[in-house]
Protein backbone atom coordinates (compact mmCIF):
# COMPACT_ATOMS: atom_id res chain seq x y z
CA MET A 1 94.11 -32.06 -117.39
CA ALA A 2 97.66 -32.77 -118.41
CA ASP A 3 100.05 -33.07 -115.51
CA ASN A 4 101.85 -29.85 -114.66
CA LYS A 5 105.59 -29.74 -114.56
CA VAL A 6 107.03 -30.20 -111.09
CA GLY A 7 106.74 -26.87 -109.28
CA GLU A 8 104.46 -25.34 -111.91
CA PRO A 9 101.21 -23.81 -110.60
CA THR A 10 97.89 -25.28 -111.69
CA TYR A 11 96.61 -21.80 -112.52
CA ARG A 12 98.53 -18.63 -113.33
CA VAL A 13 96.55 -15.37 -113.19
CA ALA A 14 96.95 -11.66 -112.66
CA VAL A 15 94.75 -11.56 -109.55
CA ALA A 16 93.65 -14.26 -107.13
CA VAL A 17 90.57 -13.47 -105.05
CA ILE A 18 90.12 -15.60 -101.94
CA GLY A 19 86.47 -15.63 -100.93
CA GLY A 20 83.46 -16.08 -103.19
CA GLY A 21 80.83 -13.91 -101.52
CA ALA A 22 79.50 -10.55 -102.65
CA ALA A 23 82.83 -8.75 -102.16
CA GLY A 24 84.96 -11.39 -103.87
CA LEU A 25 82.63 -11.93 -106.83
CA SER A 26 82.12 -8.20 -107.33
CA ALA A 27 85.89 -7.70 -107.36
CA ALA A 28 86.35 -10.56 -109.83
CA LEU A 29 83.61 -9.22 -112.10
CA THR A 30 85.27 -5.81 -112.23
CA LEU A 31 88.69 -7.34 -112.93
CA ALA A 32 87.36 -9.71 -115.60
CA ARG A 33 85.62 -6.81 -117.35
CA ALA A 34 88.97 -5.00 -117.17
CA ARG A 35 90.37 -7.96 -119.12
CA ARG A 36 92.49 -9.21 -116.24
CA ALA A 37 93.01 -12.92 -115.75
CA VAL A 38 91.29 -13.46 -112.40
CA ILE A 39 90.38 -16.49 -110.31
CA VAL A 40 88.06 -16.71 -107.31
CA ILE A 41 88.90 -19.39 -104.74
CA ASP A 42 85.68 -20.16 -102.91
CA ALA A 43 85.39 -22.53 -99.94
CA GLY A 44 81.59 -22.40 -100.30
CA GLU A 45 80.80 -21.34 -96.73
CA PRO A 46 79.00 -17.98 -97.00
CA ARG A 47 78.17 -16.32 -93.69
CA ASN A 48 74.60 -15.56 -94.77
CA ALA A 49 73.81 -19.06 -96.06
CA PRO A 50 71.10 -19.77 -93.43
CA SER A 51 69.12 -16.64 -94.35
CA ALA A 52 66.06 -16.92 -96.55
CA GLY A 53 66.90 -13.80 -98.51
CA VAL A 54 69.31 -10.93 -99.07
CA HIS A 55 67.69 -7.57 -98.32
CA GLY A 56 68.56 -3.96 -98.97
CA PHE A 57 70.44 -4.87 -102.16
CA LEU A 58 69.02 -2.61 -104.85
CA SER A 59 67.39 -4.63 -107.68
CA ARG A 60 68.16 -7.92 -105.89
CA ASP A 61 66.05 -7.50 -102.75
CA GLY A 62 64.81 -10.86 -101.49
CA ILE A 63 67.08 -13.03 -103.60
CA SER A 64 68.38 -16.07 -101.73
CA PRO A 65 72.06 -15.99 -100.73
CA ALA A 66 72.67 -19.04 -102.92
CA GLY A 67 70.87 -17.36 -105.82
CA LEU A 68 72.99 -14.22 -105.49
CA VAL A 69 76.21 -16.24 -105.48
CA ALA A 70 75.08 -18.32 -108.47
CA ALA A 71 74.21 -15.18 -110.46
CA GLY A 72 77.53 -13.59 -109.52
CA ARG A 73 79.50 -16.65 -110.56
CA GLN A 74 77.77 -16.72 -113.94
CA GLU A 75 78.57 -13.06 -114.52
CA VAL A 76 82.23 -13.52 -113.60
CA GLU A 77 82.57 -16.57 -115.86
CA ARG A 78 80.81 -14.80 -118.72
CA TYR A 79 83.71 -12.34 -118.89
CA GLY A 80 86.35 -15.06 -118.68
CA GLY A 81 86.95 -15.16 -114.93
CA VAL A 82 87.34 -18.51 -113.16
CA VAL A 83 85.49 -19.54 -110.00
CA LEU A 84 87.41 -22.36 -108.37
CA PRO A 85 85.69 -24.33 -105.59
CA GLY A 86 88.23 -25.11 -102.91
CA ARG A 87 89.81 -23.98 -99.66
CA ALA A 88 92.99 -21.90 -99.63
CA GLU A 89 95.23 -23.53 -97.07
CA ALA A 90 98.47 -21.59 -97.46
CA VAL A 91 99.88 -18.58 -99.27
CA GLU A 92 103.42 -17.36 -99.76
CA ARG A 93 105.37 -14.85 -101.81
CA VAL A 94 106.96 -16.32 -104.93
CA ASP A 95 108.82 -14.48 -107.71
CA GLY A 96 107.41 -11.08 -106.83
CA GLY A 97 103.84 -12.40 -106.61
CA PHE A 98 101.95 -14.96 -104.59
CA GLU A 99 101.34 -18.69 -104.66
CA ILE A 100 98.19 -20.06 -103.02
CA ARG A 101 97.95 -23.74 -102.16
CA LEU A 102 94.51 -25.32 -101.97
CA ALA A 103 93.53 -28.17 -99.68
CA ASP A 104 93.41 -30.59 -102.63
CA GLY A 105 96.97 -29.77 -103.67
CA ARG A 106 96.23 -27.43 -106.57
CA THR A 107 98.15 -24.17 -106.66
CA VAL A 108 97.42 -20.70 -108.01
CA ALA A 109 100.14 -18.21 -108.95
CA ALA A 110 99.04 -14.57 -108.97
CA ARG A 111 100.61 -11.16 -109.31
CA ARG A 112 98.20 -9.68 -106.77
CA LEU A 113 96.05 -11.04 -103.95
CA LEU A 114 92.62 -9.80 -102.90
CA LEU A 115 91.23 -11.21 -99.66
CA ALA A 116 87.45 -11.33 -99.23
CA THR A 117 87.05 -14.14 -96.70
CA GLY A 118 84.63 -12.23 -94.47
CA VAL A 119 84.05 -12.83 -90.78
CA VAL A 120 82.62 -15.58 -88.59
CA ASP A 121 79.75 -15.02 -86.13
CA GLU A 122 80.53 -16.11 -82.59
CA LEU A 123 77.30 -16.70 -80.64
CA PRO A 124 76.55 -17.22 -76.94
CA ASP A 125 76.79 -20.84 -75.87
CA ILE A 126 73.06 -21.42 -75.54
CA PRO A 127 71.60 -24.73 -76.77
CA GLY A 128 69.68 -24.35 -80.01
CA LEU A 129 70.83 -20.81 -80.76
CA ARG A 130 73.21 -21.74 -83.59
CA ASP A 131 70.61 -24.03 -85.18
CA ARG A 132 68.16 -21.12 -85.54
CA TRP A 133 70.77 -18.58 -86.67
CA GLY A 134 69.74 -16.65 -89.77
CA ARG A 135 66.14 -17.89 -89.58
CA ASP A 136 64.47 -16.62 -86.39
CA VAL A 137 67.62 -15.89 -84.38
CA LEU A 138 68.84 -12.72 -86.05
CA HIS A 139 71.28 -9.86 -85.69
CA CYS A 140 70.64 -7.05 -88.20
CA PRO A 141 67.44 -4.94 -88.22
CA TYR A 142 68.12 -3.74 -91.77
CA CYS A 143 68.53 -7.31 -92.97
CA HIS A 144 65.61 -8.88 -91.09
CA GLY A 145 63.50 -6.18 -89.42
CA TRP A 146 60.81 -6.05 -92.10
CA GLU A 147 60.39 -9.83 -92.06
CA ILE A 148 59.67 -9.89 -88.27
CA ARG A 149 57.63 -6.68 -88.13
CA ASP A 150 54.85 -6.58 -85.52
CA GLN A 151 55.87 -9.95 -84.08
CA PRO A 152 56.89 -10.74 -80.48
CA VAL A 153 60.66 -10.19 -80.54
CA GLY A 154 63.31 -10.68 -77.88
CA VAL A 155 66.71 -9.02 -77.65
CA LEU A 156 69.31 -11.26 -76.00
CA ALA A 157 71.91 -9.12 -74.26
CA THR A 158 75.54 -10.13 -74.72
CA GLY A 159 76.91 -6.65 -74.03
CA GLU A 160 76.13 -2.97 -74.33
CA MET A 161 75.31 -3.43 -78.03
CA ALA A 162 71.98 -4.95 -76.89
CA LEU A 163 70.65 -1.52 -75.92
CA HIS A 164 71.40 -0.23 -79.41
CA GLN A 165 69.59 -3.22 -80.89
CA VAL A 166 66.57 -2.48 -78.72
CA GLN A 167 66.41 1.10 -79.99
CA LEU A 168 66.54 -0.08 -83.59
CA PHE A 169 64.22 -3.10 -83.47
CA ARG A 170 61.61 -1.00 -81.65
CA GLN A 171 60.91 0.58 -85.05
CA TRP A 172 59.63 -2.75 -86.36
CA THR A 173 57.64 -4.03 -83.40
CA SER A 174 55.97 -2.73 -80.25
CA ASP A 175 56.12 -6.18 -78.59
CA LEU A 176 59.79 -6.12 -77.60
CA VAL A 177 61.50 -7.81 -74.65
CA LEU A 178 65.08 -7.31 -73.45
CA PHE A 179 66.59 -10.43 -71.89
CA THR A 180 69.41 -9.10 -69.72
CA HIS A 181 70.93 -12.62 -69.59
CA THR A 182 74.57 -12.20 -68.51
CA GLY A 183 75.30 -9.28 -70.78
CA VAL A 184 74.08 -6.01 -69.26
CA ASP A 185 73.40 -4.25 -65.95
CA LEU A 186 71.02 -1.38 -66.59
CA THR A 187 71.59 2.08 -65.23
CA ASP A 188 68.62 4.11 -64.03
CA GLU A 189 68.79 6.20 -67.19
CA GLN A 190 68.77 3.13 -69.45
CA ALA A 191 65.87 1.60 -67.53
CA GLU A 192 63.92 4.82 -67.99
CA GLN A 193 64.59 4.83 -71.73
CA LEU A 194 63.32 1.27 -72.07
CA ALA A 195 60.21 2.01 -70.03
CA ALA A 196 59.51 5.11 -72.11
CA ARG A 197 59.55 3.03 -75.29
CA GLY A 198 57.44 0.24 -73.85
CA VAL A 199 60.22 -2.36 -73.82
CA ARG A 200 59.78 -5.03 -71.14
CA VAL A 201 62.92 -6.11 -69.28
CA VAL A 202 63.25 -9.78 -68.30
CA PRO A 203 66.12 -10.55 -65.89
CA GLY A 204 67.72 -13.96 -65.51
CA GLU A 205 69.97 -16.21 -67.54
CA VAL A 206 68.68 -17.61 -70.83
CA VAL A 207 69.37 -21.35 -71.08
CA GLY A 208 67.51 -22.44 -74.21
CA LEU A 209 64.89 -21.90 -76.88
CA GLU A 210 61.48 -23.42 -77.36
CA VAL A 211 60.83 -24.63 -80.92
CA THR A 212 57.57 -26.05 -82.27
CA VAL A 213 57.33 -27.57 -85.77
CA ASP A 214 60.64 -25.91 -86.71
CA ARG A 215 59.51 -22.46 -85.57
CA LEU A 216 60.78 -20.50 -82.58
CA THR A 217 57.99 -20.08 -80.02
CA GLY A 218 59.74 -18.99 -76.84
CA VAL A 219 62.85 -18.25 -74.79
CA ARG A 220 63.52 -20.44 -71.73
CA LEU A 221 65.14 -19.02 -68.58
CA ALA A 222 67.19 -20.81 -65.94
CA ASP A 223 64.24 -20.82 -63.51
CA GLY A 224 62.09 -22.67 -66.06
CA THR A 225 60.09 -19.65 -67.19
CA VAL A 226 59.31 -19.60 -70.93
CA VAL A 227 58.71 -16.18 -72.48
CA PRO A 228 56.77 -16.50 -75.76
CA ARG A 229 58.72 -15.00 -78.67
CA SER A 230 58.65 -15.47 -82.45
CA ALA A 231 62.17 -14.14 -83.05
CA VAL A 232 65.28 -13.36 -81.04
CA THR A 233 68.01 -10.91 -81.93
CA VAL A 234 71.55 -11.18 -80.63
CA ALA A 235 74.69 -9.18 -81.36
CA SER A 236 77.25 -11.77 -82.37
CA ARG A 237 80.94 -11.17 -82.01
CA LEU A 238 82.60 -11.08 -85.42
CA ARG A 239 85.86 -12.96 -85.70
CA VAL A 240 88.37 -12.94 -88.57
CA ASP A 241 89.87 -16.24 -89.72
CA ASP A 242 93.48 -15.08 -89.59
CA ARG A 243 95.33 -18.20 -90.80
CA LEU A 244 96.27 -16.72 -94.18
CA LEU A 245 96.51 -13.19 -92.83
CA THR A 246 99.11 -14.16 -90.23
CA LYS A 247 101.22 -15.92 -92.86
CA LEU A 248 101.17 -12.80 -95.03
CA GLY A 249 101.83 -10.47 -92.12
CA VAL A 250 98.52 -8.61 -92.57
CA PRO A 251 97.60 -7.11 -89.18
CA VAL A 252 94.19 -7.81 -87.62
CA THR A 253 92.93 -5.21 -85.12
CA ARG A 254 89.97 -4.79 -82.82
CA HIS A 255 87.00 -2.83 -84.11
CA PRO A 256 86.19 0.32 -82.04
CA SER A 257 82.89 -1.26 -80.98
CA GLY A 258 84.75 -4.09 -79.28
CA MET A 259 82.39 -6.53 -80.98
CA ALA A 260 84.51 -7.41 -84.00
CA GLU A 261 87.94 -7.88 -85.53
CA GLN A 262 88.97 -6.25 -88.78
CA VAL A 263 91.81 -5.90 -91.27
CA GLU A 264 93.33 -2.44 -91.44
CA ALA A 265 93.22 -1.08 -95.00
CA ASP A 266 92.92 2.25 -96.79
CA PRO A 267 89.62 3.26 -98.50
CA THR A 268 90.55 1.24 -101.61
CA GLY A 269 91.22 -1.92 -99.59
CA ARG A 270 95.01 -1.70 -99.83
CA THR A 271 96.64 -3.29 -96.78
CA ALA A 272 100.04 -2.51 -95.31
CA ILE A 273 101.46 -5.55 -97.13
CA PRO A 274 102.51 -4.79 -100.74
CA GLY A 275 100.36 -6.57 -103.31
CA VAL A 276 97.63 -7.53 -100.83
CA TRP A 277 94.15 -6.00 -100.80
CA ALA A 278 91.14 -6.78 -98.61
CA ALA A 279 87.43 -6.09 -99.11
CA GLY A 280 84.00 -6.76 -97.64
CA ASN A 281 83.45 -7.69 -94.02
CA LEU A 282 87.19 -8.16 -93.51
CA THR A 283 87.59 -4.38 -93.53
CA ASN A 284 84.01 -3.38 -92.63
CA PRO A 285 82.68 -6.09 -90.28
CA PHE A 286 79.19 -4.62 -89.96
CA GLY A 287 78.69 -3.80 -93.64
CA GLN A 288 75.70 -5.32 -95.45
CA VAL A 289 75.90 -7.28 -98.69
CA MET A 290 75.61 -4.23 -100.93
CA ALA A 291 78.41 -2.45 -99.04
CA ALA A 292 80.59 -5.56 -99.35
CA ALA A 293 79.97 -5.71 -103.11
CA ALA A 294 80.85 -2.02 -103.46
CA ALA A 295 84.06 -2.54 -101.50
CA GLY A 296 84.99 -5.39 -103.82
CA THR A 297 84.52 -3.16 -106.85
CA MET A 298 86.62 -0.39 -105.29
CA ALA A 299 89.44 -2.76 -104.39
CA ALA A 300 89.42 -4.33 -107.85
CA ALA A 301 89.77 -0.94 -109.51
CA ALA A 302 92.74 -0.12 -107.26
CA VAL A 303 94.39 -3.48 -107.99
CA ASN A 304 93.92 -2.99 -111.73
CA GLY A 305 95.37 0.51 -111.52
CA GLU A 306 98.51 -0.76 -109.83
CA LEU A 307 98.86 -3.57 -112.37
CA ALA A 308 98.49 -1.06 -115.21
CA GLU A 309 101.40 0.96 -113.80
CA GLU A 310 103.47 -2.20 -113.55
CA ASP A 311 102.52 -3.20 -117.12
CA THR A 312 103.62 0.19 -118.39
CA ALA A 313 106.99 -0.07 -116.68
CA ASP A 314 107.44 -3.56 -118.12
CA ALA A 315 106.46 -2.35 -121.60
CA VAL A 316 109.05 0.42 -121.41
CA ARG A 317 111.71 -2.12 -120.48
CA ARG A 318 110.75 -4.36 -123.40
CA HIS A 319 110.60 -1.40 -125.77
CA ARG A 320 114.09 -0.31 -124.84
CA ALA A 321 115.40 -3.86 -125.23
CA ALA A 322 113.77 -4.21 -128.65
CA ALA A 323 115.16 -0.88 -129.78
CA ALA A 324 118.58 -2.15 -128.81
CA GLY A 325 118.09 -5.25 -130.97
CA GLU A 326 117.51 -7.59 -128.04
CA ASP A 327 114.52 -9.35 -126.56
CA ASP A 328 113.81 -9.13 -122.83
CA SER A 329 116.26 -11.98 -122.17
CA GLY A 330 119.11 -10.17 -123.95
CA LEU A 331 118.97 -12.37 -127.08
CA PRO A 332 118.72 -10.90 -130.59
CA VAL A 333 115.15 -10.48 -131.83
CA HIS A 334 114.06 -12.04 -135.12
CA HIS A 335 112.38 -9.08 -136.75
CA GLY A 336 113.03 -6.12 -134.49
CA PRO A 337 110.22 -4.21 -132.73
CA ALA A 338 106.68 -5.35 -133.54
CA ASP A 339 103.38 -3.73 -132.76
CA VAL A 340 101.31 -6.60 -131.42
CA ALA A 341 98.22 -4.44 -131.00
CA ALA A 342 98.28 -3.52 -134.68
CA MET A 343 98.87 -7.13 -135.72
CA ILE A 344 95.67 -8.33 -134.02
CA SER A 345 93.50 -5.39 -135.05
CA GLN A 346 90.61 -5.39 -137.53
CA GLU A 347 92.50 -2.97 -139.78
CA PHE A 348 95.46 -5.34 -140.07
CA TRP A 349 93.36 -8.36 -141.00
CA ASP A 350 90.98 -6.50 -143.31
CA GLU A 351 94.00 -5.19 -145.19
CA ARG A 352 95.60 -8.62 -145.35
CA TYR A 353 92.48 -10.37 -146.59
CA GLY A 354 91.69 -7.54 -148.99
CA SER A 355 95.15 -7.56 -150.57
CA VAL A 356 94.89 -11.06 -152.06
CA ASP A 357 92.19 -13.30 -153.51
CA ARG A 358 92.66 -15.95 -150.80
CA VAL A 359 94.87 -16.21 -147.73
CA TRP A 360 94.22 -19.80 -146.63
CA SER A 361 93.89 -23.08 -148.52
CA GLY A 362 90.13 -23.42 -148.17
CA ASN A 363 90.54 -26.87 -146.56
CA PRO A 364 89.31 -27.60 -143.02
CA ASN A 365 91.96 -27.82 -140.33
CA PRO A 366 93.04 -31.44 -139.80
CA GLN A 367 92.62 -31.46 -135.98
CA LEU A 368 89.03 -30.27 -136.41
CA VAL A 369 88.32 -33.02 -138.94
CA THR A 370 89.74 -35.67 -136.62
CA VAL A 371 87.55 -34.59 -133.69
CA VAL A 372 84.32 -33.83 -135.58
CA ASP A 373 84.37 -37.13 -137.47
CA LYS A 374 83.43 -38.76 -134.14
CA LEU A 375 80.64 -36.31 -133.21
CA PRO A 376 76.96 -36.08 -134.19
CA ALA A 377 75.98 -32.79 -135.84
CA GLY A 378 74.71 -30.04 -133.56
CA THR A 379 75.42 -26.36 -132.92
CA ALA A 380 78.95 -25.03 -133.32
CA CYS A 381 80.83 -21.80 -132.79
CA ASP A 382 84.00 -21.25 -134.83
CA VAL A 383 86.00 -18.40 -133.33
CA GLY A 384 88.68 -16.89 -135.52
CA ALA A 385 86.85 -18.29 -138.54
CA GLY A 386 88.84 -16.34 -141.13
CA GLU A 387 87.60 -17.10 -144.65
CA GLY A 388 85.26 -19.73 -143.26
CA ALA A 389 86.76 -23.02 -144.44
CA ASP A 390 86.11 -24.77 -141.11
CA ALA A 391 82.64 -23.25 -140.71
CA ILE A 392 81.58 -24.20 -144.25
CA TRP A 393 82.91 -27.73 -143.80
CA LEU A 394 80.95 -28.10 -140.55
CA ALA A 395 77.76 -26.75 -142.15
CA GLY A 396 78.21 -29.23 -144.99
CA ARG A 397 78.13 -31.99 -142.39
CA GLY A 398 74.86 -30.76 -140.91
CA TRP A 399 76.11 -28.44 -138.17
CA SER A 400 74.49 -25.06 -137.45
CA VAL A 401 77.50 -22.76 -137.20
CA THR A 402 78.19 -19.29 -135.83
CA ALA A 403 81.42 -18.07 -137.45
CA VAL A 404 83.17 -15.24 -135.56
CA ASP A 405 86.14 -13.21 -136.77
CA VAL A 406 87.59 -9.73 -136.39
CA SER A 407 87.71 -9.22 -140.19
CA ALA A 408 84.47 -8.41 -141.97
CA VAL A 409 86.37 -8.86 -145.25
CA ALA A 410 87.22 -12.46 -144.38
CA LEU A 411 83.68 -13.27 -143.26
CA GLY A 412 82.25 -11.70 -146.41
CA ARG A 413 84.49 -13.95 -148.47
CA GLY A 414 83.31 -16.94 -146.42
CA ALA A 415 79.66 -16.03 -147.00
CA GLU A 416 80.29 -15.82 -150.75
CA GLN A 417 81.95 -19.23 -150.73
CA ALA A 418 79.12 -20.73 -148.68
CA ALA A 419 76.57 -19.44 -151.18
CA THR A 420 78.22 -21.46 -153.95
CA ALA A 421 77.75 -24.61 -151.81
CA GLY A 422 73.96 -24.28 -151.89
CA ASP A 423 71.17 -23.11 -149.60
CA ASP A 424 71.47 -26.13 -147.31
CA VAL A 425 74.99 -25.07 -146.36
CA ALA A 426 74.55 -21.28 -146.44
CA GLY A 427 71.36 -21.52 -144.38
CA ARG A 428 73.20 -23.18 -141.50
CA LEU A 429 75.78 -20.40 -141.21
CA THR A 430 75.73 -17.14 -139.22
CA TRP A 431 78.61 -14.75 -139.85
CA GLN A 432 79.47 -12.53 -136.88
CA PRO A 433 82.20 -9.89 -137.08
CA ALA A 434 83.62 -9.09 -133.62
CA ASP A 435 86.80 -8.13 -131.82
CA ILE A 436 87.83 -11.52 -130.47
CA ARG A 437 89.52 -9.91 -127.48
CA THR A 438 86.17 -8.66 -126.16
CA TRP A 439 83.69 -10.95 -127.95
CA ASP A 440 81.09 -12.47 -125.64
CA PRO A 441 78.72 -15.24 -126.78
CA GLY A 442 76.20 -14.11 -124.17
CA PRO A 443 73.76 -16.79 -123.06
CA ASP A 444 74.33 -18.98 -126.13
CA ARG A 445 75.78 -22.45 -125.55
CA PHE A 446 77.11 -24.76 -128.25
CA ASP A 447 77.71 -28.48 -128.81
CA LEU A 448 81.11 -27.59 -130.27
CA VAL A 449 83.29 -24.55 -129.69
CA THR A 450 86.44 -24.42 -131.77
CA ALA A 451 89.28 -21.92 -132.23
CA GLN A 452 91.95 -22.82 -134.76
CA PHE A 453 95.24 -20.93 -134.60
CA MET A 454 93.88 -17.93 -132.71
CA HIS A 455 97.00 -16.27 -131.31
CA LEU A 456 96.70 -13.45 -128.80
CA PRO A 457 99.00 -12.18 -126.06
CA ASP A 458 98.13 -12.80 -122.44
CA PRO A 459 95.93 -11.89 -120.64
CA ASP A 460 93.67 -11.63 -123.72
CA ARG A 461 94.41 -15.22 -124.73
CA ALA A 462 93.62 -16.77 -121.33
CA MET A 463 90.44 -14.75 -120.99
CA LEU A 464 89.32 -15.73 -124.50
CA HIS A 465 89.90 -19.40 -123.69
CA ARG A 466 87.80 -19.04 -120.55
CA ARG A 467 84.95 -17.47 -122.53
CA LEU A 468 85.18 -20.24 -125.11
CA ALA A 469 85.01 -22.85 -122.36
CA ALA A 470 81.99 -21.15 -120.78
CA ALA A 471 80.19 -21.29 -124.14
CA VAL A 472 80.28 -25.12 -124.27
CA ARG A 473 77.01 -26.73 -123.24
CA PRO A 474 76.93 -29.79 -120.91
CA GLY A 475 78.18 -32.76 -122.89
CA GLY A 476 79.69 -30.47 -125.53
CA THR A 477 83.22 -30.31 -126.93
CA LEU A 478 85.92 -27.64 -126.73
CA LEU A 479 88.70 -27.76 -129.33
CA ILE A 480 91.51 -25.19 -129.27
CA VAL A 481 94.46 -25.59 -131.63
CA GLY A 482 97.49 -23.35 -132.04
CA HIS A 483 101.04 -23.19 -133.30
CA HIS A 484 103.34 -24.68 -130.68
CA PRO A 485 106.17 -22.40 -129.45
CA SER A 486 108.76 -25.03 -130.35
CA ASP A 487 108.13 -24.29 -134.04
CA LEU A 488 109.99 -21.01 -133.64
CA ASP A 489 113.18 -23.05 -133.39
CA VAL A 490 112.51 -25.09 -136.57
CA PRO A 491 114.36 -23.74 -139.66
CA GLY A 492 112.00 -22.86 -142.48
CA VAL A 493 108.86 -22.46 -140.37
CA ARG A 494 107.12 -19.18 -141.06
CA ARG A 495 105.67 -17.89 -137.82
CA PRO A 496 105.31 -14.43 -136.32
CA ARG A 497 108.55 -14.13 -134.35
CA MET A 498 106.78 -13.20 -131.13
CA ARG A 499 107.00 -16.06 -128.68
CA ASP A 500 104.40 -14.51 -126.37
CA LEU A 501 101.70 -15.02 -129.01
CA LEU A 502 102.16 -18.80 -129.10
CA PHE A 503 100.96 -21.23 -126.45
CA THR A 504 101.06 -24.83 -125.34
CA ALA A 505 98.01 -27.04 -124.85
CA GLU A 506 98.92 -27.29 -121.17
CA GLN A 507 98.58 -23.53 -120.83
CA VAL A 508 95.05 -23.77 -122.22
CA ALA A 509 94.20 -26.69 -119.95
CA ALA A 510 95.32 -24.67 -116.93
CA VAL A 511 92.38 -22.26 -117.31
CA LEU A 512 89.82 -25.09 -117.14
CA ASP A 513 88.30 -26.30 -113.89
CA PRO A 514 88.69 -30.10 -114.10
CA ARG A 515 85.53 -30.57 -112.03
CA GLN A 516 83.49 -29.20 -114.91
CA TRP A 517 84.99 -31.44 -117.59
CA ALA A 518 84.56 -35.17 -118.17
CA SER A 519 87.86 -35.30 -120.06
CA ILE A 520 90.66 -32.88 -120.82
CA ARG A 521 93.33 -33.90 -123.33
CA ALA A 522 96.30 -31.59 -123.83
CA GLU A 523 98.98 -32.66 -126.28
CA THR A 524 101.58 -31.56 -128.80
CA ALA A 525 100.73 -33.11 -132.17
CA PRO A 526 103.32 -33.34 -134.99
CA ARG A 527 102.21 -32.53 -138.54
CA SER A 528 103.98 -32.83 -141.90
CA ALA A 529 104.42 -29.62 -143.92
CA THR A 530 106.74 -27.99 -146.42
CA ASP A 531 108.91 -24.94 -145.99
CA PRO A 532 108.83 -21.97 -148.47
CA ASP A 533 111.38 -23.76 -150.65
CA GLY A 534 109.28 -26.94 -150.89
CA ASN A 535 111.33 -29.00 -148.45
CA PRO A 536 109.49 -31.40 -146.11
CA ILE A 537 109.51 -30.36 -142.46
CA THR A 538 107.68 -31.36 -139.29
CA ILE A 539 105.72 -28.75 -137.38
CA HIS A 540 103.73 -29.09 -134.17
CA ASP A 541 100.23 -28.12 -133.09
CA ALA A 542 99.19 -27.41 -129.51
CA VAL A 543 95.86 -29.28 -129.21
CA LEU A 544 93.38 -28.93 -126.34
CA HIS A 545 90.38 -31.26 -126.64
CA ALA A 546 87.92 -31.25 -123.73
CA VAL A 547 84.40 -32.59 -123.15
CA ARG A 548 82.17 -30.86 -120.59
CA ARG A 549 80.35 -32.96 -118.02
CA ARG A 550 76.66 -33.52 -118.64
């Protein structure tokens, strides 16, 4: 990746989600589908990692925690979201938003922050207990009760919550023992309840576990007695990692049960700190995976709603400035107010292509030629294909090409041109009309993904570039070329006078995770051209050329 300017963030997004579990990924999926530029910063330490499966999650029951995370990441990335492995070390307010610094020095700038870092289980200091956690030392009957049904189970008391666990786990097994340990002194009424349900009470301090061939076989007491058990349940204390929360001023309070900490937030996840949301076990410490995912979705919708209000206010400001003959910096505009949405619509391009016999030269773009000359033929996707010059040229060199464009008129013209080149060329081409802002290649992966001079406003542009990157197979090539913003200052260059539509190669590179790419080259390439009067001029292309790791 090209070096960022001093002080420039590595990534700039609308929303940064810290935490890549069910809540964080669900929030990111919702935001990506809402066409928000979103990044998930994931330290890769899920609380449920030791468990064999996730249970009670409709349609996903039994999936491994790693499998659920992998599926969630793929879904987020399919819609243009970014999942960034790394640990968030610090966060601060910058320019009305937030800047997050990762342990490796990378930074993320975001308009809003959604925290989904979960909680940490604190267990009694008993040798071997942590090693068995999530396997046969358990905490949640709804997560694990079915898996240990009808087995000899022990409840290790660490407080009054143990009596509640006994009542619940008794539904799954009749062979249940309560180890009072150091956690509970039974009243006469509680002792009667346990006796009535056939629960044996074992007094004395627990000092260890017996394990045979990596399976729990018993619980060892201080007097040397070993009580045979196949599973042990214990109510852990749930602690919030408050390093980032303290920096932001987000308050952490004690849960009414006394067994957990939590972040105070309203039902949407909005905290008392403007711009900061929280979801998942941070706000509901005892919630299961499905509840955490639902909370992530709810928080994402609330974040998007607030951003939409902010976008509207900003649009009004720009509209008033344009009507006054100024841009948002107070400088005169080139062509007055412009409707960007209309300019990138199907109707606009169908009309433009339909009004003349040919819009473009019919020659392949020079940056594409330079890159492809060094590649063996394979599968390619040409996004923003227009009249198909690049796609037809690729097919003529043996590539199987999917050509995508918003204008059916342009693609129809390309198909007609391909037919004149013979069946060998036409047979390698698939013409796919689609709104580029929402186009999704689905599961398809290509040896080459190219977009030549596709200009969209953010966040559509950044999200498109992420989808293009996700469509490159391992070992494949990504090539994105655009008009460089500096050309707006060159006399005689004919460009839409909307600076927000143009981009630099460094901006494209910023949406790529360098860990996934063997090489990332971002540069500004000069090119000779002529102005409308035939005078020679030099223009500049923003060129992003990246090769995915195998």
